[in-house]
PDB file of N, CA and C in Angstrom:
ATOM      1  N   MET A   1      41.864   9.407  58.271  1.00  0.00           N
ATOM      2  CA  MET A   1      40.373   9.590  59.208  1.00  0.00           C
ATOM      3  C   MET A   1      39.752   8.285  59.355  1.00  0.00           C
ATOM      4  N   GLY A   2      39.478   7.842  60.496  1.00  0.00           N
ATOM      5  CA  GLY A   2      38.620   6.529  60.584  1.00  0.00           C
ATOM      6  C   GLY A   2      37.081   6.800  60.264  1.00  0.00           C
ATOM      7  N   TRP A   3      36.436   5.655  60.122  1.00  0.00           N
ATOM      8  CA  TRP A   3      34.787   5.820  60.137  1.00  0.00           C
ATOM      9  C   TRP A   3      34.136   5.866  61.725  1.00  0.00           C
ATOM     10  N   ALA A   4      33.354   6.953  61.709  1.00  0.00           N
ATOM     11  CA  ALA A   4      32.915   7.157  63.186  1.00  0.00           C
ATOM     12  C   ALA A   4      31.772   6.546  63.470  1.00  0.00           C
ATOM     13  N   THR A   5      32.084   5.607  64.664  1.00  0.00           N
ATOM     14  CA  THR A   5      31.208   4.375  64.890  1.00  0.00           C
ATOM     15  C   THR A   5      29.366   4.836  65.351  1.00  0.00           C
ATOM     16  N   ASN A   6      29.366   6.034  65.880  1.00  0.00           N
ATOM     17  CA  ASN A   6      27.683   6.676  66.118  1.00  0.00           C
ATOM     18  C   ASN A   6      28.070   8.176  65.321  1.00  0.00           C
ATOM     19  N   HIS A   7      26.577   8.311  65.683  1.00  0.00           N
ATOM     20  CA  HIS A   7      26.231   9.676  65.093  1.00  0.00           C
ATOM     21  C   HIS A   7      26.883  10.417  65.688  1.00  0.00           C
ATOM     22  N   ASP A   8      27.192  10.761  67.467  1.00  0.00           N
ATOM     23  CA  ASP A   8      27.630  11.776  67.563  1.00  0.00           C
ATOM     24  C   ASP A   8      29.016  12.523  66.926  1.00  0.00           C
ATOM     25  N   ASP A   9      29.582  11.073  67.188  1.00  0.00           N
ATOM     26  CA  ASP A   9      31.371  11.436  66.445  1.00  0.00           C
ATOM     27  C   ASP A   9      31.176  11.709  64.744  1.00  0.00           C
ATOM     28  N   VAL A  10      30.006  11.762  63.937  1.00  0.00           N
ATOM     29  CA  VAL A  10      30.018  12.083  62.618  1.00  0.00           C
ATOM     30  C   VAL A  10      29.571  13.864  62.717  1.00  0.00           C
ATOM     31  N   PHE A  11      28.662  13.882  64.145  1.00  0.00           N
ATOM     32  CA  PHE A  11      27.972  15.382  64.115  1.00  0.00           C
ATOM     33  C   PHE A  11      29.185  16.162  64.363  1.00  0.00           C
ATOM     34  N   GLN A  12      30.357  15.973  65.557  1.00  0.00           N
ATOM     35  CA  GLN A  12      31.311  16.472  65.991  1.00  0.00           C
ATOM     36  C   GLN A  12      32.511  16.700  64.958  1.00  0.00           C
ATOM     37  N   GLN A  13      32.685  15.800  63.962  1.00  0.00           N
ATOM     38  CA  GLN A  13      33.249  15.717  62.598  1.00  0.00           C
ATOM     39  C   GLN A  13      32.887  16.528  61.674  1.00  0.00           C
ATOM     40  N   ARG A  14      31.847  16.807  61.717  1.00  0.00           N
ATOM     41  CA  ARG A  14      31.207  17.911  60.544  1.00  0.00           C
ATOM     42  C   ARG A  14      30.899  19.232  61.230  1.00  0.00           C
ATOM     43  N   LYS A  15      30.965  19.456  62.491  1.00  0.00           N
ATOM     44  CA  LYS A  15      31.040  20.644  63.168  1.00  0.00           C
ATOM     45  C   LYS A  15      32.229  21.261  62.706  1.00  0.00           C
ATOM     46  N   LYS A  16      33.325  20.570  63.501  1.00  0.00           N
ATOM     47  CA  LYS A  16      34.759  20.642  63.299  1.00  0.00           C
ATOM     48  C   LYS A  16      35.322  21.043  61.849  1.00  0.00           C
ATOM     49  N   LYS A  17      35.119  20.163  60.764  1.00  0.00           N
ATOM     50  CA  LYS A  17      35.209  20.843  59.543  1.00  0.00           C
ATOM     51  C   LYS A  17      34.587  22.182  59.110  1.00  0.00           C
ATOM     52  N   LYS A  18      33.239  22.183  59.603  1.00  0.00           N
ATOM     53  CA  LYS A  18      32.736  23.811  59.147  1.00  0.00           C
ATOM     54  C   LYS A  18      33.286  25.021  59.684  1.00  0.00           C
ATOM     55  N   TRP A  19      33.639  24.358  61.123  1.00  0.00           N
ATOM     56  CA  TRP A  19      34.493  25.872  61.840  1.00  0.00           C
ATOM     57  C   TRP A  19      35.656  25.943  61.390  1.00  0.00           C
ATOM     58  N   ILE A  20      36.044  24.946  61.063  1.00  0.00           N
ATOM     59  CA  ILE A  20      37.851  25.342  60.250  1.00  0.00           C
ATOM     60  C   ILE A  20      37.210  26.038  58.793  1.00  0.00           C
ATOM     61  N   LYS A  21      36.186  25.554  58.245  1.00  0.00           N
ATOM     62  CA  LYS A  21      36.192  26.511  56.895  1.00  0.00           C
ATOM     63  C   LYS A  21      35.680  27.798  57.424  1.00  0.00           C
ATOM     64  N   GLN A  22      35.175  28.058  58.032  1.00  0.00           N
ATOM     65  CA  GLN A  22      34.451  29.404  58.526  1.00  0.00           C
ATOM     66  C   GLN A  22      35.790  30.096  58.977  1.00  0.00           C
ATOM     67  N   THR A  23      36.505  29.555  59.903  1.00  0.00           N
ATOM     68  CA  THR A  23      37.757  30.267  60.418  1.00  0.00           C
ATOM     69  C   THR A  23      38.698  30.514  59.242  1.00  0.00           C
ATOM     70  N   SER A  24      39.312  29.890  58.648  1.00  0.00           N
ATOM     71  CA  SER A  24      39.954  30.042  57.225  1.00  0.00           C
ATOM     72  C   SER A  24      39.371  30.946  56.471  1.00  0.00           C
ATOM     73  N   ASP A  25      38.242  31.292  56.054  1.00  0.00           N
ATOM     74  CA  ASP A  25      37.501  32.421  55.225  1.00  0.00           C
ATOM     75  C   ASP A  25      37.292  33.584  56.151  1.00  0.00           C
ATOM     76  N   GLU A  26      36.970  34.725  55.322  1.00  0.00           N
ATOM     77  CA  GLU A  26      37.087  35.936  56.096  1.00  0.00           C
ATOM     78  C   GLU A  26      36.092  36.173  56.961  1.00  0.00           C
ATOM     79  N   PRO A  27      36.060  36.810  57.975  1.00  0.00           N
ATOM     80  CA  PRO A  27      34.859  36.424  59.001  1.00  0.00           C
ATOM     81  C   PRO A  27      33.944  36.948  58.774  1.00  0.00           C
ATOM     82  N   ILE A  28      32.828  36.431  59.455  1.00  0.00           N
ATOM     83  CA  ILE A  28      31.311  36.542  59.129  1.00  0.00           C
ATOM     84  C   ILE A  28      30.858  37.636  60.249  1.00  0.00           C
ATOM     85  N   ASN A  29      30.346  38.408  59.624  1.00  0.00           N
ATOM     86  CA  ASN A  29      29.780  39.691  60.578  1.00  0.00           C
ATOM     87  C   ASN A  29      28.400  39.452  60.825  1.00  0.00           C
ATOM     88  N   GLU A  30      27.620  40.655  61.266  1.00  0.00           N
ATOM     89  CA  GLU A  30      26.138  40.554  61.858  1.00  0.00           C
ATOM     90  C   GLU A  30      25.247  40.825  60.390  1.00  0.00           C
ATOM     91  N   SER A  31      25.899  41.173  59.385  1.00  0.00           N
ATOM     92  CA  SER A  31      25.090  41.840  58.208  1.00  0.00           C
ATOM     93  C   SER A  31      24.715  40.031  57.496  1.00  0.00           C
ATOM     94  N   GLY A  32      25.588  39.351  57.833  1.00  0.00           N
ATOM     95  CA  GLY A  32      25.538  37.809  56.882  1.00  0.00           C
ATOM     96  C   GLY A  32      26.477  37.225  56.244  1.00  0.00           C
ATOM     97  N   ILE A  33      26.671  36.132  55.698  1.00  0.00           N
ATOM     98  CA  ILE A  33      27.880  35.512  55.197  1.00  0.00           C
ATOM     99  C   ILE A  33      28.218  36.846  53.912  1.00  0.00           C
ATOM    100  N   GLY A  34      27.196  37.057  53.396  1.00  0.00           N
ATOM    101  CA  GLY A  34      28.354  37.705  51.928  1.00  0.00           C
ATOM    102  C   GLY A  34      28.455  39.135  52.770  1.00  0.00           C
ATOM    103  N   ALA A  35      28.199  39.838  53.691  1.00  0.00           N
ATOM    104  CA  ALA A  35      28.575  40.962  54.021  1.00  0.00           C
ATOM    105  C   ALA A  35      30.338  41.415  53.534  1.00  0.00           C
ATOM    106  N   SER A  36      31.153  40.384  54.113  1.00  0.00           N
ATOM    107  CA  SER A  36      32.647  41.086  54.157  1.00  0.00           C
ATOM    108  C   SER A  36      32.713  40.669  52.678  1.00  0.00           C
ATOM    109  N   ARG A  37      31.996  39.935  51.918  1.00  0.00           N
ATOM    110  CA  ARG A  37      32.250  39.822  50.570  1.00  0.00           C
ATOM    111  C   ARG A  37      31.863  41.281  49.758  1.00  0.00           C
ATOM    112  N   ASP A  38      30.611  41.631  49.931  1.00  0.00           N
ATOM    113  CA  ASP A  38      30.081  43.035  49.541  1.00  0.00           C
ATOM    114  C   ASP A  38      31.063  43.856  50.072  1.00  0.00           C
ATOM    115  N   SER A  39      31.207  44.083  51.139  1.00  0.00           N
ATOM    116  CA  SER A  39      32.714  45.014  51.534  1.00  0.00           C
ATOM    117  C   SER A  39      33.644  44.964  50.320  1.00  0.00           C
ATOM    118  N   LEU A  40      34.272  44.045  50.098  1.00  0.00           N
ATOM    119  CA  LEU A  40      35.453  43.621  49.281  1.00  0.00           C
ATOM    120  C   LEU A  40      35.157  44.221  47.935  1.00  0.00           C
ATOM    121  N   ASN A  41      33.722  43.892  47.857  1.00  0.00           N
ATOM    122  CA  ASN A  41      33.475  44.052  46.332  1.00  0.00           C
ATOM    123  C   ASN A  41      33.265  45.868  46.004  1.00  0.00           C
ATOM    124  N   GLN A  42      32.782  46.710  47.299  1.00  0.00           N
ATOM    125  CA  GLN A  42      32.545  48.126  47.112  1.00  0.00           C
ATOM    126  C   GLN A  42      34.194  48.599  47.201  1.00  0.00           C
ATOM    127  N   ASP A  43      35.091  47.598  48.111  1.00  0.00           N
ATOM    128  CA  ASP A  43      36.331  48.404  47.713  1.00  0.00           C
ATOM    129  C   ASP A  43      37.089  48.151  46.560  1.00  0.00           C
ATOM    130  N   LEU A  44      36.929  47.062  46.111  1.00  0.00           N
ATOM    131  CA  LEU A  44      37.085  46.618  44.068  1.00  0.00           C
ATOM    132  C   LEU A  44      36.518  47.868  43.040  1.00  0.00           C
ATOM    133  N   VAL A  45      35.574  47.851  43.349  1.00  0.00           N
ATOM    134  CA  VAL A  45      34.507  49.044  42.745  1.00  0.00           C
ATOM    135  C   VAL A  45      35.214  50.447  42.919  1.00  0.00           C
ATOM    136  N   ALA A  46      35.596  50.627  43.975  1.00  0.00           N
ATOM    137  CA  ALA A  46      36.168  52.000  43.850  1.00  0.00           C
ATOM    138  C   ALA A  46      37.491  52.268  43.563  1.00  0.00           C
ATOM    139  N   LYS A  47      38.342  51.195  43.677  1.00  0.00           N
ATOM    140  CA  LYS A  47      39.497  51.102  43.026  1.00  0.00           C
ATOM    141  C   LYS A  47      39.285  50.998  41.357  1.00  0.00           C
ATOM    142  N   LEU A  48      38.596  50.469  40.878  1.00  0.00           N
ATOM    143  CA  LEU A  48      38.292  50.487  39.488  1.00  0.00           C
ATOM    144  C   LEU A  48      37.682  51.904  38.831  1.00  0.00           C
ATOM    145  N   ALA A  49      36.972  52.250  39.959  1.00  0.00           N
ATOM    146  CA  ALA A  49      36.823  53.728  39.320  1.00  0.00           C
ATOM    147  C   ALA A  49      37.533  55.024  39.246  1.00  0.00           C
ATOM    148  N   ALA A  50      38.568  54.749  40.287  1.00  0.00           N
ATOM    149  CA  ALA A  50      39.968  55.608  40.674  1.00  0.00           C
ATOM    150  C   ALA A  50      40.784  55.382  39.364  1.00  0.00           C
ATOM    151  N   LYS A  51      41.142  54.021  38.977  1.00  0.00           N
ATOM    152  CA  LYS A  51      41.707  53.538  37.913  1.00  0.00           C
ATOM    153  C   LYS A  51      41.342  54.418  36.421  1.00  0.00           C
ATOM    154  N   ASP A  52      39.477  54.043  36.118  1.00  0.00           N
ATOM    155  CA  ASP A  52      39.207  54.677  35.678  1.00  0.00           C
ATOM    156  C   ASP A  52      39.210  55.817  34.956  1.00  0.00           C
ATOM    157  N   SER A  53      39.136  56.687  36.122  1.00  0.00           N
ATOM    158  CA  SER A  53      39.633  58.538  36.007  1.00  0.00           C
ATOM    159  C   SER A  53      40.926  58.507  35.478  1.00  0.00           C
ATOM    160  N   GLU A  54      41.816  57.403  35.781  1.00  0.00           N
ATOM    161  CA  GLU A  54      43.050  57.943  35.502  1.00  0.00           C
ATOM    162  C   GLU A  54      43.466  57.635  33.966  1.00  0.00           C
ATOM    163  N   ILE A  55      42.499  56.568  33.677  1.00  0.00           N
ATOM    164  CA  ILE A  55      43.100  56.051  32.121  1.00  0.00           C
ATOM    165  C   ILE A  55      42.133  57.334  31.646  1.00  0.00           C
ATOM    166  N   SER A  56      40.921  57.775  31.713  1.00  0.00           N
ATOM    167  CA  SER A  56      40.362  59.046  31.222  1.00  0.00           C
ATOM    168  C   SER A  56      41.465  60.254  30.991  1.00  0.00           C
ATOM    169  N   GLU A  57      42.168  60.523  31.999  1.00  0.00           N
ATOM    170  CA  GLU A  57      43.062  61.593  31.887  1.00  0.00           C
ATOM    171  C   GLU A  57      44.181  61.276  31.298  1.00  0.00           C
ATOM    172  N   LEU A  58      44.301  60.273  31.047  1.00  0.00           N
ATOM    173  CA  LEU A  58      45.461  59.614  30.058  1.00  0.00           C
ATOM    174  C   LEU A  58      45.020  59.598  28.495  1.00  0.00           C
ATOM    175  N   GLN A  59      43.763  58.980  28.230  1.00  0.00           N
ATOM    176  CA  GLN A  59      43.620  59.311  26.953  1.00  0.00           C
ATOM    177  C   GLN A  59      43.440  60.715  26.534  1.00  0.00           C
ATOM    178  N   GLN A  60      42.855  61.791  27.385  1.00  0.00           N
ATOM    179  CA  GLN A  60      42.635  62.832  27.428  1.00  0.00           C
ATOM    180  C   GLN A  60      44.065  63.791  26.683  1.00  0.00           C
ATOM    181  N   VAL A  61      45.104  63.271  27.531  1.00  0.00           N
ATOM    182  CA  VAL A  61      46.515  63.715  27.138  1.00  0.00           C
ATOM    183  C   VAL A  61      47.056  62.974  25.956  1.00  0.00           C
ATOM    184  N   ILE A  62      46.876  61.705  25.752  1.00  0.00           N
ATOM    185  CA  ILE A  62      47.455  60.886  24.595  1.00  0.00           C
ATOM    186  C   ILE A  62      46.413  62.150  23.216  1.00  0.00           C
ATOM    187  N   PHE A  63      45.182  62.279  23.416  1.00  0.00           N
ATOM    188  CA  PHE A  63      44.391  62.970  22.025  1.00  0.00           C
ATOM    189  C   PHE A  63      45.310  64.191  22.011  1.00  0.00           C
ATOM    190  N   LEU A  64      45.127  64.869  22.893  1.00  0.00           N
ATOM    191  CA  LEU A  64      46.041  66.559  23.043  1.00  0.00           C
ATOM    192  C   LEU A  64      47.358  66.291  22.500  1.00  0.00           C
ATOM    193  N   GLN A  65      47.912  65.335  22.441  1.00  0.00           N
ATOM    194  CA  GLN A  65      49.479  64.933  21.784  1.00  0.00           C
ATOM    195  C   GLN A  65      49.094  64.831  20.448  1.00  0.00           C
ATOM    196  N   TRP A  66      47.969  63.838  20.268  1.00  0.00           N
ATOM    197  CA  TRP A  66      48.340  63.779  18.809  1.00  0.00           C
ATOM    198  C   TRP A  66      47.705  64.731  18.059  1.00  0.00           C
ATOM    199  N   VAL A  67      46.564  65.516  18.414  1.00  0.00           N
ATOM    200  CA  VAL A  67      46.352  66.954  17.938  1.00  0.00           C
ATOM    201  C   VAL A  67      47.839  67.944  17.719  1.00  0.00           C
ATOM    202  N   ARG A  68      48.673  67.781  18.665  1.00  0.00           N
ATOM    203  CA  ARG A  68      49.605  68.747  18.617  1.00  0.00           C
ATOM    204  C   ARG A  68      50.794  68.280  17.628  1.00  0.00           C
ATOM    205  N   LEU A  69      50.929  66.536  17.664  1.00  0.00           N
ATOM    206  CA  LEU A  69      51.574  66.236  16.159  1.00  0.00           C
ATOM    207  C   LEU A  69      51.426  66.047  15.086  1.00  0.00           C
ATOM    208  N   THR A  70      49.855  66.157  15.168  1.00  0.00           N
ATOM    209  CA  THR A  70      49.002  66.619  13.679  1.00  0.00           C
ATOM    210  C   THR A  70      49.237  67.462  13.226  1.00  0.00           C
ATOM    211  N   GLU A  71      49.117  68.862  14.160  1.00  0.00           N
ATOM    212  CA  GLU A  71      49.315  70.089  13.570  1.00  0.00           C
ATOM    213  C   GLU A  71      50.633  70.693  13.252  1.00  0.00           C
ATOM    214  N   LEU A  72      51.901  69.944  14.321  1.00  0.00           N
ATOM    215  CA  LEU A  72      53.216  70.169  13.577  1.00  0.00           C
ATOM    216  C   LEU A  72      53.653  69.649  12.337  1.00  0.00           C
ATOM    217  N   ARG A  73      53.116  68.714  12.092  1.00  0.00           N
ATOM    218  CA  ARG A  73      53.374  67.625  10.788  1.00  0.00           C
ATOM    219  C   ARG A  73      52.549  68.648   9.531  1.00  0.00           C
ATOM    220  N   ASN A  74      51.828  68.829   9.880  1.00  0.00           N
ATOM    221  CA  ASN A  74      50.982  70.318   9.210  1.00  0.00           C
ATOM    222  C   ASN A  74      51.770  71.112   8.492  1.00  0.00           C
ATOM    223  N   TYR A  75      52.352  71.555   9.743  1.00  0.00           N
ATOM    224  CA  TYR A  75      52.884  72.825   9.665  1.00  0.00           C
ATOM    225  C   TYR A  75      54.244  72.685   8.933  1.00  0.00           C
ATOM    226  N   VAL A  76      55.053  71.596   9.186  1.00  0.00           N
ATOM    227  CA  VAL A  76      56.225  71.348   8.319  1.00  0.00           C
ATOM    228  C   VAL A  76      55.733  70.989   6.671  1.00  0.00           C
ATOM    229  N   ARG A  77      54.730  70.113   6.788  1.00  0.00           N
ATOM    230  CA  ARG A  77      54.535  69.911   5.827  1.00  0.00           C
ATOM    231  C   ARG A  77      54.336  71.161   4.241  1.00  0.00           C
ATOM    232  N   GLU A  78      53.483  71.935   5.063  1.00  0.00           N
ATOM    233  CA  GLU A  78      53.274  73.551   4.330  1.00  0.00           C
ATOM    234  C   GLU A  78      54.930  74.365   4.493  1.00  0.00           C
ATOM    235  N   THR A  79      55.718  74.661   5.554  1.00  0.00           N
ATOM    236  CA  THR A  79      56.705  75.327   5.148  1.00  0.00           C
ATOM    237  C   THR A  79      57.889  74.629   4.394  1.00  0.00           C
ATOM    238  N   GLN A  80      57.321  73.243   4.380  1.00  0.00           N
ATOM    239  CA  GLN A  80      59.013  72.670   3.792  1.00  0.00           C
ATOM    240  C   GLN A  80      59.319  72.780   2.348  1.00  0.00           C
ATOM    241  N   THR A  81      60.370  72.976   2.188  1.00  0.00           N
ATOM    242  CA  THR A  81      60.569  73.757   0.387  1.00  0.00           C
ATOM    243  C   THR A  81      61.668  72.323   0.075  1.00  0.00           C
ATOM    244  N   TYR A  82      60.947  72.145  -1.305  1.00  0.00           N
ATOM    245  CA  TYR A  82      61.778  71.049  -1.768  1.00  0.00           C
ATOM    246  C   TYR A  82      62.913  71.522  -2.953  1.00  0.00           C
ATOM    247  N   GLN A  83      63.996  70.848  -2.718  1.00  0.00           N
ATOM    248  CA  GLN A  83      65.162  71.111  -3.859  1.00  0.00           C
ATOM    249  C   GLN A  83      65.438  69.657  -4.309  1.00  0.00           C
ATOM    250  N   THR A  84      65.520  69.978  -5.573  1.00  0.00           N
ATOM    251  CA  THR A  84      65.962  68.894  -6.415  1.00  0.00           C
ATOM    252  C   THR A  84      67.561  68.672  -6.140  1.00  0.00           C
ATOM    253  N   PRO A  85      67.740  67.436  -5.670  1.00  0.00           N
ATOM    254  CA  PRO A  85      69.670  66.978  -5.591  1.00  0.00           C
ATOM    255  C   PRO A  85      70.219  67.388  -6.613  1.00  0.00           C
ATOM    256  N   ILE A  86      71.548  67.591  -6.611  1.00  0.00           N
ATOM    257  CA  ILE A  86      72.348  68.458  -7.734  1.00  0.00           C
ATOM    258  C   ILE A  86      73.128  67.194  -7.885  1.00  0.00           C
ATOM    259  N   LEU A  87      73.366  66.873  -9.149  1.00  0.00           N
ATOM    260  CA  LEU A  87      73.768  65.672  -9.668  1.00  0.00           C
ATOM    261  C   LEU A  87      75.366  65.723  -9.840  1.00  0.00           C
TER     262      LEU A  87
END
C-alpha cells in the first residue's frame, strides 16, 4: 500500500479499513456497538447457569453415594467376624 497524495485518499483508505473491520465483526444493531456482545454474554451466562445446575445435581448424587458407601462400610465392619488363621 502506497502513500496517499491527498486528504481524500487518506480518508477513503481509513473508511475502507473501518468498513472491513465492522463487517468482519458481528453486526452492529440499533442498540449500539456492544449490543451483540451483550446478547452473546447473556447466552453464555444462561449456558453457565445450566451447567451450574448440572454440577449441583451431580454433587448431590456423589454425596448420596458417599453416604451409602460409608453406611455399607460401617455395616461390614460391625458384622465382620475375624478368624485367626490356622497355621
